[in-house]
Amino acid sequence: MKSKEKMLEERMWRKYNMIASQIRERHLGKQIQIQKNAYLTIDDGPTKDSRIKFDILQKKEIPAVWFCIGSEIEKYKDIVISMIRDGATIANHSYSHIDFSANTLHKCFFEIEETDRLIDECYYQAGINRGKKFFRFPFGHRGYVKRINNFDITPTVKKHADAIQAFLGKLDYECPNLEGVKYKAYKEIIDTNCHDVYWTYDVMEWVLSNKNNFVDINNINDILKLMDIDMPDKWLGLNSQESEEIILIHDHCETTKYFEMIIDHLLEKKLKFCLL
């Protein structure tokens, strides 16, 4: 739980950067930006709206990796198969979106392997070779909550996390070698022995379907303004040339109406979208 002082500090910096962005635009006009690569990833699908989002991306010629939940694949298998046939890359986001930091290895292995099987089945039925295999931990909890809690990892916790990574490696999952992603905070999380995919920018649109307000994010305009903030060392580097981006959006039905608006605002950043 963040302290009141910490939340006030975050709000101050967000508003400061929003004002700074507005001043730059007003006095300098639209500046020519150097195009940088970005990799779009979409979590928590499939849903009944996945095809709508996929078609929007197809129209704009934007590739994406869809990190899907196994139990949802079972519900919307036909949609997944149709997306695969039309070029979608389907990846593993566990079977039931559990916290891998708080479950037994047996449970974690099942969550990975069962979803792996379901994805294989979808590719087989689509008549398409699966290709590269990607996995993302729900909540970003990679066997331990490294990003959220700055604590010393005990030998027991490290053994748990290492066993999960080894299991992912056994199933041929890989962490893409993206030399252009250079953020220090990202590199502190992703090491040479990992087999999962993390991110560098969370669009945060999922907050709009959450009943509890998150700092100052209350509507779609707040989400779009967040993209204009320049704080690369705080996971807000869309406007920075310091690093390429791995962008995270969620496939939630509650925010489908905002999806194209978000994509268009990302395109205004002169990002060149590439496939992992």
C-alpha atoms as a PDB file:
ATOM      1  CA  MET A   1       0.000   0.000   0.000  1.00  0.00           C
ATOM      2  CA  LYS A   2       1.461   3.345  -1.060  1.00  0.00           C
ATOM      3  CA  SER A   3       1.681   6.132   1.480  1.00  0.00           C
ATOM      4  CA  LYS A   4      -0.358   9.288   1.003  1.00  0.00           C
ATOM      5  CA  GLU A   5       2.863  11.255   0.541  1.00  0.00           C
ATOM      6  CA  LYS A   6       4.059   8.876  -2.206  1.00  0.00           C
ATOM      7  CA  MET A   7       0.748   9.121  -4.074  1.00  0.00           C
ATOM      8  CA  LEU A   8       0.828  12.929  -3.877  1.00  0.00           C
ATOM      9  CA  GLU A   9       4.388  12.919  -5.217  1.00  0.00           C
ATOM     10  CA  GLU A  10       3.365  10.697  -8.159  1.00  0.00           C
ATOM     11  CA  ARG A  11       0.429  12.969  -8.962  1.00  0.00           C
ATOM     12  CA  MET A  12       2.674  16.021  -8.866  1.00  0.00           C
ATOM     13  CA  TRP A  13       5.154  14.514 -11.322  1.00  0.00           C
ATOM     14  CA  ARG A  14       2.414  13.294 -13.663  1.00  0.00           C
ATOM     15  CA  LYS A  15       0.822  16.745 -13.805  1.00  0.00           C
ATOM     16  CA  TYR A  16       4.233  18.418 -14.172  1.00  0.00           C
ATOM     17  CA  ASN A  17       5.059  16.270 -17.181  1.00  0.00           C
ATOM     18  CA  MET A  18       1.633  16.761 -18.741  1.00  0.00           C
ATOM     19  CA  ILE A  19       2.091  20.537 -18.499  1.00  0.00           C
ATOM     20  CA  ALA A  20       5.616  20.263 -19.900  1.00  0.00           C
ATOM     21  CA  SER A  21       4.338  18.264 -22.893  1.00  0.00           C
ATOM     22  CA  GLN A  22       1.629  20.853 -23.566  1.00  0.00           C
ATOM     23  CA  ILE A  23       4.181  23.707 -23.447  1.00  0.00           C
ATOM     24  CA  ARG A  24       6.473  21.915 -25.886  1.00  0.00           C
ATOM     25  CA  GLU A  25       3.624  21.342 -28.334  1.00  0.00           C
ATOM     26  CA  ARG A  26       2.386  24.941 -28.064  1.00  0.00           C
ATOM     27  CA  HIS A  27       5.732  26.665 -28.528  1.00  0.00           C
ATOM     28  CA  LEU A  28       7.699  24.235 -30.664  1.00  0.00           C
ATOM     29  CA  GLY A  29       4.904  22.846 -32.799  1.00  0.00           C
ATOM     30  CA  LYS A  30       4.969  19.259 -33.968  1.00  0.00           C
ATOM     31  CA  GLN A  31       8.545  18.081 -33.831  1.00  0.00           C
ATOM     32  CA  ILE A  32       9.994  15.542 -36.205  1.00  0.00           C
ATOM     33  CA  GLN A  33      10.433  12.349 -34.221  1.00  0.00           C
ATOM     34  CA  ILE A  34      12.952   9.666 -35.005  1.00  0.00           C
ATOM     35  CA  GLN A  35      11.018   6.486 -35.632  1.00  0.00           C
ATOM     36  CA  LYS A  36      11.741   3.709 -33.141  1.00  0.00           C
ATOM     37  CA  ASN A  37      10.650   0.094 -33.034  1.00  0.00           C
ATOM     38  CA  ALA A  38       7.811  -1.075 -30.827  1.00  0.00           C
ATOM     39  CA  TYR A  39       6.421  -4.542 -30.165  1.00  0.00           C
ATOM     40  CA  LEU A  40       2.710  -4.761 -29.378  1.00  0.00           C
ATOM     41  CA  THR A  41       1.552  -7.430 -26.909  1.00  0.00           C
ATOM     42  CA  ILE A  42      -2.056  -8.044 -25.878  1.00  0.00           C
ATOM     43  CA  ASP A  43      -2.887  -9.907 -22.659  1.00  0.00           C
ATOM     44  CA  ASP A  44      -5.870 -11.716 -21.129  1.00  0.00           C
ATOM     45  CA  GLY A  45      -7.704 -12.844 -24.262  1.00  0.00           C
ATOM     46  CA  PRO A  46      -9.357 -14.325 -26.020  1.00  0.00           C
ATOM     47  CA  THR A  47     -12.747 -12.641 -25.579  1.00  0.00           C
ATOM     48  CA  LYS A  48     -15.774 -12.233 -27.789  1.00  0.00           C
ATOM     49  CA  ASP A  49     -14.196  -8.955 -28.933  1.00  0.00           C
ATOM     50  CA  SER A  50     -10.762 -10.311 -29.859  1.00  0.00           C
ATOM     51  CA  ARG A  51     -11.598 -10.497 -33.536  1.00  0.00           C
ATOM     52  CA  ILE A  52     -12.740  -6.843 -33.517  1.00  0.00           C
ATOM     53  CA  LYS A  53      -9.355  -5.759 -32.131  1.00  0.00           C
ATOM     54  CA  PHE A  54      -7.474  -8.083 -34.470  1.00  0.00           C
ATOM     55  CA  ASP A  55      -9.259  -6.625 -37.513  1.00  0.00           C
ATOM     56  CA  ILE A  56      -8.406  -3.079 -36.389  1.00  0.00           C
ATOM     57  CA  LEU A  57      -4.737  -4.026 -36.189  1.00  0.00           C
ATOM     58  CA  GLN A  58      -4.893  -5.792 -39.557  1.00  0.00           C
ATOM     59  CA  LYS A  59      -6.353  -2.660 -41.150  1.00  0.00           C
ATOM     60  CA  LYS A  60      -3.489  -0.584 -39.741  1.00  0.00           C
ATOM     61  CA  GLU A  61      -0.899  -3.262 -40.594  1.00  0.00           C
ATOM     62  CA  ILE A  62       0.197  -3.664 -36.973  1.00  0.00           C
ATOM     63  CA  PRO A  63       1.443  -7.104 -35.864  1.00  0.00           C
ATOM     64  CA  ALA A  64       0.884  -8.222 -32.269  1.00  0.00           C
ATOM     65  CA  VAL A  65       1.484 -11.149 -29.953  1.00  0.00           C
ATOM     66  CA  TRP A  66      -1.711 -12.258 -28.192  1.00  0.00           C
ATOM     67  CA  PHE A  67      -0.985 -13.689 -24.726  1.00  0.00           C
ATOM     68  CA  CYS A  68      -4.022 -15.892 -24.161  1.00  0.00           C
ATOM     69  CA  ILE A  69      -5.477 -17.571 -21.080  1.00  0.00           C
ATOM     70  CA  GLY A  70      -6.110 -21.292 -21.549  1.00  0.00           C
ATOM     71  CA  SER A  71      -9.552 -21.368 -19.945  1.00  0.00           C
ATOM     72  CA  GLU A  72     -10.628 -18.527 -22.268  1.00  0.00           C
ATOM     73  CA  ILE A  73      -9.214 -20.324 -25.314  1.00  0.00           C
ATOM     74  CA  GLU A  74     -11.604 -23.154 -24.486  1.00  0.00           C
ATOM     75  CA  LYS A  75     -14.530 -20.683 -24.602  1.00  0.00           C
ATOM     76  CA  TYR A  76     -13.511 -18.871 -27.785  1.00  0.00           C
ATOM     77  CA  LYS A  77     -11.588 -21.509 -29.680  1.00  0.00           C
ATOM     78  CA  ASP A  78     -13.193 -20.695 -33.048  1.00  0.00           C
ATOM     79  CA  ILE A  79     -12.124 -17.054 -32.741  1.00  0.00           C
ATOM     80  CA  VAL A  80      -8.549 -18.065 -31.905  1.00  0.00           C
ATOM     81  CA  ILE A  81      -8.382 -20.450 -34.867  1.00  0.00           C
ATOM     82  CA  SER A  82      -9.709 -17.790 -37.253  1.00  0.00           C
ATOM     83  CA  MET A  83      -7.132 -15.291 -35.991  1.00  0.00           C
ATOM     84  CA  ILE A  84      -4.316 -17.819 -36.446  1.00  0.00           C
ATOM     85  CA  ARG A  85      -5.431 -18.480 -40.021  1.00  0.00           C
ATOM     86  CA  ASP A  86      -5.259 -14.744 -40.681  1.00  0.00           C
ATOM     87  CA  GLY A  87      -1.761 -14.354 -39.251  1.00  0.00           C
ATOM     88  CA  ALA A  88      -2.123 -13.846 -35.489  1.00  0.00           C
ATOM     89  CA  THR A  89       0.616 -14.990 -33.125  1.00  0.00           C
ATOM     90  CA  ILE A  90      -0.951 -16.715 -30.111  1.00  0.00           C
ATOM     91  CA  ALA A  91       1.116 -16.988 -26.926  1.00  0.00           C
ATOM     92  CA  ASN A  92       0.752 -18.483 -23.452  1.00  0.00           C
ATOM     93  CA  HIS A  93      -0.570 -16.450 -20.485  1.00  0.00           C
ATOM     94  CA  SER A  94      -1.284 -19.457 -18.197  1.00  0.00           C
ATOM     95  CA  TYR A  95      -4.488 -21.465 -17.921  1.00  0.00           C
ATOM     96  CA  SER A  96      -6.367 -19.512 -15.238  1.00  0.00           C
ATOM     97  CA  HIS A  97      -4.285 -16.349 -14.683  1.00  0.00           C
ATOM     98  CA  ILE A  98      -2.829 -17.405 -11.342  1.00  0.00           C
ATOM     99  CA  ASP A  99      -0.073 -15.720  -9.364  1.00  0.00           C
ATOM    100  CA  PHE A 100       3.017 -17.837 -10.051  1.00  0.00           C
ATOM    101  CA  SER A 101       4.619 -16.349  -6.949  1.00  0.00           C
ATOM    102  CA  ALA A 102       1.970 -17.841  -4.677  1.00  0.00           C
ATOM    103  CA  ASN A 103       1.331 -21.328  -6.077  1.00  0.00           C
ATOM    104  CA  THR A 104       3.060 -24.700  -5.989  1.00  0.00           C
ATOM    105  CA  LEU A 105       5.346 -25.771  -8.802  1.00  0.00           C
ATOM    106  CA  HIS A 106       2.890 -28.533  -9.666  1.00  0.00           C
ATOM    107  CA  LYS A 107       0.131 -25.963 -10.175  1.00  0.00           C
ATOM    108  CA  CYS A 108       2.428 -23.608 -12.113  1.00  0.00           C
ATOM    109  CA  PHE A 109       3.581 -26.395 -14.429  1.00  0.00           C
ATOM    110  CA  PHE A 110      -0.021 -27.407 -15.126  1.00  0.00           C
ATOM    111  CA  GLU A 111      -0.976 -23.794 -15.940  1.00  0.00           C
ATOM    112  CA  ILE A 112       1.829 -23.580 -18.505  1.00  0.00           C
ATOM    113  CA  GLU A 113       1.534 -27.040 -20.025  1.00  0.00           C
ATOM    114  CA  GLU A 114      -2.259 -27.157 -20.356  1.00  0.00           C
ATOM    115  CA  THR A 115      -2.346 -23.817 -22.169  1.00  0.00           C
ATOM    116  CA  ASP A 116       0.577 -24.923 -24.321  1.00  0.00           C
ATOM    117  CA  ARG A 117      -1.452 -27.961 -25.356  1.00  0.00           C
ATOM    118  CA  LEU A 118      -4.520 -25.847 -26.164  1.00  0.00           C
ATOM    119  CA  ILE A 119      -2.495 -23.451 -28.310  1.00  0.00           C
ATOM    120  CA  ASP A 120      -0.896 -26.369 -30.168  1.00  0.00           C
ATOM    121  CA  GLU A 121      -4.387 -27.727 -30.807  1.00  0.00           C
ATOM    122  CA  CYS A 122      -5.586 -24.406 -32.221  1.00  0.00           C
ATOM    123  CA  TYR A 123      -2.616 -24.132 -34.575  1.00  0.00           C
ATOM    124  CA  TYR A 124      -3.128 -27.727 -35.713  1.00  0.00           C
ATOM    125  CA  GLN A 125      -6.806 -27.139 -36.434  1.00  0.00           C
ATOM    126  CA  ALA A 126      -5.945 -23.901 -38.235  1.00  0.00           C
ATOM    127  CA  GLY A 127      -3.469 -25.791 -40.402  1.00  0.00           C
ATOM    128  CA  ILE A 128      -0.637 -23.409 -39.485  1.00  0.00           C
ATOM    129  CA  ASN A 129       2.809 -24.140 -38.027  1.00  0.00           C
ATOM    130  CA  ARG A 130       3.104 -22.585 -34.583  1.00  0.00           C
ATOM    131  CA  GLY A 131       6.587 -21.084 -34.834  1.00  0.00           C
ATOM    132  CA  LYS A 132       8.116 -19.217 -31.884  1.00  0.00           C
ATOM    133  CA  LYS A 133       6.656 -19.865 -28.440  1.00  0.00           C
ATOM    134  CA  PHE A 134       6.188 -16.996 -25.981  1.00  0.00           C
ATOM    135  CA  PHE A 135       4.981 -16.935 -22.372  1.00  0.00           C
ATOM    136  CA  ARG A 136       4.044 -14.051 -20.072  1.00  0.00           C
ATOM    137  CA  PHE A 137       3.447 -14.354 -16.334  1.00  0.00           C
ATOM    138  CA  PRO A 138       0.097 -13.015 -15.073  1.00  0.00           C
ATOM    139  CA  PHE A 139       0.631  -9.739 -13.161  1.00  0.00           C
ATOM    140  CA  GLY A 140       4.303  -9.918 -14.161  1.00  0.00           C
ATOM    141  CA  HIS A 141       4.911 -12.139 -11.107  1.00  0.00           C
ATOM    142  CA  ARG A 142       7.793 -14.256 -12.376  1.00  0.00           C
ATOM    143  CA  GLY A 143       7.898 -16.696  -9.462  1.00  0.00           C
ATOM    144  CA  TYR A 144       8.628 -13.723  -7.233  1.00  0.00           C
ATOM    145  CA  VAL A 145       7.388 -10.122  -7.184  1.00  0.00           C
ATOM    146  CA  LYS A 146      10.687  -8.489  -8.080  1.00  0.00           C
ATOM    147  CA  ARG A 147       9.383  -5.307  -9.663  1.00  0.00           C
ATOM    148  CA  ILE A 148       6.803  -4.465  -6.998  1.00  0.00           C
ATOM    149  CA  ASN A 149       8.672  -5.368  -3.826  1.00  0.00           C
ATOM    150  CA  ASN A 150      12.349  -4.548  -3.500  1.00  0.00           C
ATOM    151  CA  PHE A 151      13.446  -7.346  -1.222  1.00  0.00           C
ATOM    152  CA  ASP A 152      16.212  -9.899  -0.994  1.00  0.00           C
ATOM    153  CA  ILE A 153      15.122 -13.086  -2.741  1.00  0.00           C
ATOM    154  CA  THR A 154      15.562 -16.059  -0.436  1.00  0.00           C
ATOM    155  CA  PRO A 155      17.150 -19.289  -1.732  1.00  0.00           C
ATOM    156  CA  THR A 156      13.755 -21.014  -1.517  1.00  0.00           C
ATOM    157  CA  VAL A 157      12.028 -18.333  -3.588  1.00  0.00           C
ATOM    158  CA  LYS A 158      14.858 -18.287  -6.135  1.00  0.00           C
ATOM    159  CA  LYS A 159      14.688 -22.071  -6.466  1.00  0.00           C
ATOM    160  CA  HIS A 160      10.936 -21.794  -7.129  1.00  0.00           C
ATOM    161  CA  ALA A 161      11.416 -19.116  -9.796  1.00  0.00           C
ATOM    162  CA  ASP A 162      14.357 -20.925 -11.425  1.00  0.00           C
ATOM    163  CA  ALA A 163      12.357 -24.161 -11.647  1.00  0.00           C
ATOM    164  CA  ILE A 164       9.558 -22.360 -13.516  1.00  0.00           C
ATOM    165  CA  GLN A 165      12.049 -20.825 -15.950  1.00  0.00           C
ATOM    166  CA  ALA A 166      13.657 -24.222 -16.516  1.00  0.00           C
ATOM    167  CA  PHE A 167      10.234 -25.729 -17.244  1.00  0.00           C
ATOM    168  CA  LEU A 168       9.509 -22.970 -19.785  1.00  0.00           C
ATOM    169  CA  GLY A 169      12.860 -23.660 -21.418  1.00  0.00           C
ATOM    170  CA  LYS A 170      12.084 -27.372 -21.587  1.00  0.00           C
ATOM    171  CA  LEU A 171       8.945 -26.531 -23.572  1.00  0.00           C
ATOM    172  CA  ASP A 172      10.971 -24.292 -25.923  1.00  0.00           C
ATOM    173  CA  TYR A 173       9.595 -20.963 -24.720  1.00  0.00           C
ATOM    174  CA  GLU A 174      11.933 -18.050 -25.312  1.00  0.00           C
ATOM    175  CA  CYS A 175      12.607 -14.484 -24.319  1.00  0.00           C
ATOM    176  CA  PRO A 176      13.127 -12.513 -27.542  1.00  0.00           C
ATOM    177  CA  ASN A 177      16.600 -11.029 -27.855  1.00  0.00           C
ATOM    178  CA  LEU A 178      15.706  -7.385 -28.449  1.00  0.00           C
ATOM    179  CA  GLU A 179      18.976  -5.454 -28.381  1.00  0.00           C
ATOM    180  CA  GLY A 180      17.111  -2.186 -28.892  1.00  0.00           C
ATOM    181  CA  VAL A 181      15.260  -2.507 -25.566  1.00  0.00           C
ATOM    182  CA  LYS A 182      17.779  -0.803 -23.309  1.00  0.00           C
ATOM    183  CA  TYR A 183      15.945   0.417 -20.213  1.00  0.00           C
ATOM    184  CA  LYS A 184      17.937  -0.336 -17.078  1.00  0.00           C
ATOM    185  CA  ALA A 185      14.811  -1.325 -15.117  1.00  0.00           C
ATOM    186  CA  TYR A 186      13.832  -3.804 -17.847  1.00  0.00           C
ATOM    187  CA  LYS A 187      17.305  -5.348 -17.952  1.00  0.00           C
ATOM    188  CA  GLU A 188      17.255  -5.772 -14.177  1.00  0.00           C
ATOM    189  CA  ILE A 189      14.182  -7.977 -14.580  1.00  0.00           C
ATOM    190  CA  ILE A 190      15.104  -9.903 -17.718  1.00  0.00           C
ATOM    191  CA  ASP A 191      18.319 -11.907 -17.488  1.00  0.00           C
ATOM    192  CA  THR A 192      20.129 -14.282 -19.829  1.00  0.00           C
ATOM    193  CA  ASN A 193      18.465 -17.374 -18.365  1.00  0.00           C
ATOM    194  CA  CYS A 194      14.841 -16.295 -18.638  1.00  0.00           C
ATOM    195  CA  HIS A 195      12.256 -17.757 -21.002  1.00  0.00           C
ATOM    196  CA  ASP A 196       9.368 -15.282 -20.623  1.00  0.00           C
ATOM    197  CA  VAL A 197       8.330 -11.964 -22.147  1.00  0.00           C
ATOM    198  CA  TYR A 198       8.057  -8.810 -20.038  1.00  0.00           C
ATOM    199  CA  TRP A 199       7.098  -5.278 -21.129  1.00  0.00           C
ATOM    200  CA  THR A 200       8.419  -1.716 -21.005  1.00  0.00           C
ATOM    201  CA  TYR A 201       5.165   0.261 -21.315  1.00  0.00           C
ATOM    202  CA  ASP A 202       1.762  -0.613 -19.826  1.00  0.00           C
ATOM    203  CA  VAL A 203      -1.014   1.404 -21.502  1.00  0.00           C
ATOM    204  CA  MET A 204      -2.985   1.038 -18.240  1.00  0.00           C
ATOM    205  CA  GLU A 205      -6.370   0.984 -19.963  1.00  0.00           C
ATOM    206  CA  TRP A 206      -7.302  -1.948 -17.704  1.00  0.00           C
ATOM    207  CA  VAL A 207      -7.713   0.599 -14.901  1.00  0.00           C
ATOM    208  CA  LEU A 208     -10.871   1.885 -16.616  1.00  0.00           C
ATOM    209  CA  SER A 209     -12.618  -1.445 -15.986  1.00  0.00           C
ATOM    210  CA  ASN A 210     -11.421  -1.522 -12.378  1.00  0.00           C
ATOM    211  CA  LYS A 211     -13.857  -0.208  -9.759  1.00  0.00           C
ATOM    212  CA  ASN A 212     -11.056   1.410  -7.754  1.00  0.00           C
ATOM    213  CA  ASN A 213      -9.466   4.540  -9.185  1.00  0.00           C
ATOM    214  CA  PHE A 214      -5.711   4.329  -9.737  1.00  0.00           C
ATOM    215  CA  VAL A 215      -3.924   7.571  -8.846  1.00  0.00           C
ATOM    216  CA  ASP A 216      -5.322  10.089 -11.368  1.00  0.00           C
ATOM    217  CA  ILE A 217      -6.497   7.703 -14.096  1.00  0.00           C
ATOM    218  CA  ASN A 218     -10.263   8.040 -14.359  1.00  0.00           C
ATOM    219  CA  ASN A 219     -11.094   8.114 -18.075  1.00  0.00           C
ATOM    220  CA  ILE A 220      -9.691   7.504 -21.558  1.00  0.00           C
ATOM    221  CA  ASN A 221      -8.280  11.033 -21.777  1.00  0.00           C
ATOM    222  CA  ASP A 222      -6.084  10.298 -18.748  1.00  0.00           C
ATOM    223  CA  ILE A 223      -4.791   7.183 -20.525  1.00  0.00           C
ATOM    224  CA  LEU A 224      -3.906   9.186 -23.624  1.00  0.00           C
ATOM    225  CA  LYS A 225      -2.235  11.950 -21.591  1.00  0.00           C
ATOM    226  CA  LEU A 226      -0.162   9.328 -19.811  1.00  0.00           C
ATOM    227  CA  MET A 227       1.394   8.477 -23.176  1.00  0.00           C
ATOM    228  CA  ASP A 228       2.699  12.043 -23.478  1.00  0.00           C
ATOM    229  CA  ILE A 229       4.660  11.982 -20.213  1.00  0.00           C
ATOM    230  CA  ASP A 230       8.450  11.843 -20.486  1.00  0.00           C
ATOM    231  CA  MET A 231       9.754   9.711 -17.611  1.00  0.00           C
ATOM    232  CA  PRO A 232      11.774   6.854 -19.163  1.00  0.00           C
ATOM    233  CA  ASP A 233      13.152   5.809 -15.770  1.00  0.00           C
ATOM    234  CA  LYS A 234       9.569   5.368 -14.503  1.00  0.00           C
ATOM    235  CA  TRP A 235       8.347   3.018 -17.272  1.00  0.00           C
ATOM    236  CA  LEU A 236       6.959   5.991 -19.256  1.00  0.00           C
ATOM    237  CA  GLY A 237       9.367   6.213 -22.187  1.00  0.00           C
ATOM    238  CA  LEU A 238       7.200   6.270 -25.309  1.00  0.00           C
ATOM    239  CA  ASN A 239       8.577   9.683 -26.255  1.00  0.00           C
ATOM    240  CA  SER A 240      12.189   8.777 -25.541  1.00  0.00           C
ATOM    241  CA  GLN A 241      14.800   7.622 -28.040  1.00  0.00           C
ATOM    242  CA  GLU A 242      16.583   5.803 -25.210  1.00  0.00           C
ATOM    243  CA  SER A 243      15.006   2.449 -25.979  1.00  0.00           C
ATOM    244  CA  GLU A 244      12.621   0.457 -28.120  1.00  0.00           C
ATOM    245  CA  GLU A 245       9.298  -0.478 -26.491  1.00  0.00           C
ATOM    246  CA  ILE A 246       7.400  -3.649 -25.622  1.00  0.00           C
ATOM    247  CA  ILE A 247       3.876  -2.293 -25.252  1.00  0.00           C
ATOM    248  CA  LEU A 248       1.206  -4.012 -23.155  1.00  0.00           C
ATOM    249  CA  ILE A 249      -2.542  -3.667 -23.782  1.00  0.00           C
ATOM    250  CA  HIS A 250      -5.296  -5.915 -22.420  1.00  0.00           C
ATOM    251  CA  ASP A 251      -8.041  -7.698 -24.334  1.00  0.00           C
ATOM    252  CA  HIS A 252     -10.896  -6.682 -22.025  1.00  0.00           C
ATOM    253  CA  CYS A 253     -14.406  -6.239 -23.373  1.00  0.00           C
ATOM    254  CA  GLU A 254     -14.970  -3.252 -21.067  1.00  0.00           C
ATOM    255  CA  THR A 255     -12.354  -1.241 -22.965  1.00  0.00           C
ATOM    256  CA  THR A 256     -12.956  -2.449 -26.529  1.00  0.00           C
ATOM    257  CA  LYS A 257     -14.565   0.894 -27.389  1.00  0.00           C
ATOM    258  CA  TYR A 258     -11.267   2.636 -26.615  1.00  0.00           C
ATOM    259  CA  PHE A 259      -8.988   0.201 -28.448  1.00  0.00           C
ATOM    260  CA  GLU A 260      -8.719   1.980 -31.805  1.00  0.00           C
ATOM    261  CA  MET A 261      -8.341   5.357 -30.097  1.00  0.00           C
ATOM    262  CA  ILE A 262      -5.407   3.998 -28.089  1.00  0.00           C
ATOM    263  CA  ILE A 263      -3.782   2.449 -31.160  1.00  0.00           C
ATOM    264  CA  ASP A 264      -4.137   5.691 -33.112  1.00  0.00           C
ATOM    265  CA  HIS A 265      -2.505   7.664 -30.300  1.00  0.00           C
ATOM    266  CA  LEU A 266       0.388   5.201 -30.262  1.00  0.00           C
ATOM    267  CA  LEU A 267       0.774   5.645 -34.018  1.00  0.00           C
ATOM    268  CA  GLU A 268       1.087   9.395 -33.496  1.00  0.00           C
ATOM    269  CA  LYS A 269       4.288   8.631 -31.605  1.00  0.00           C
ATOM    270  CA  LYS A 270       5.870   7.543 -34.908  1.00  0.00           C
ATOM    271  CA  LEU A 271       6.427   4.039 -33.606  1.00  0.00           C
ATOM    272  CA  LYS A 272       7.348   1.339 -36.087  1.00  0.00           C
ATOM    273  CA  PHE A 273       5.447  -1.764 -34.969  1.00  0.00           C
ATOM    274  CA  CYS A 274       7.353  -5.021 -35.396  1.00  0.00           C
ATOM    275  CA  LEU A 275       6.595  -8.634 -34.479  1.00  0.00           C
ATOM    276  CA  LEU A 276       8.509 -10.219 -31.600  1.00  0.00           C
END
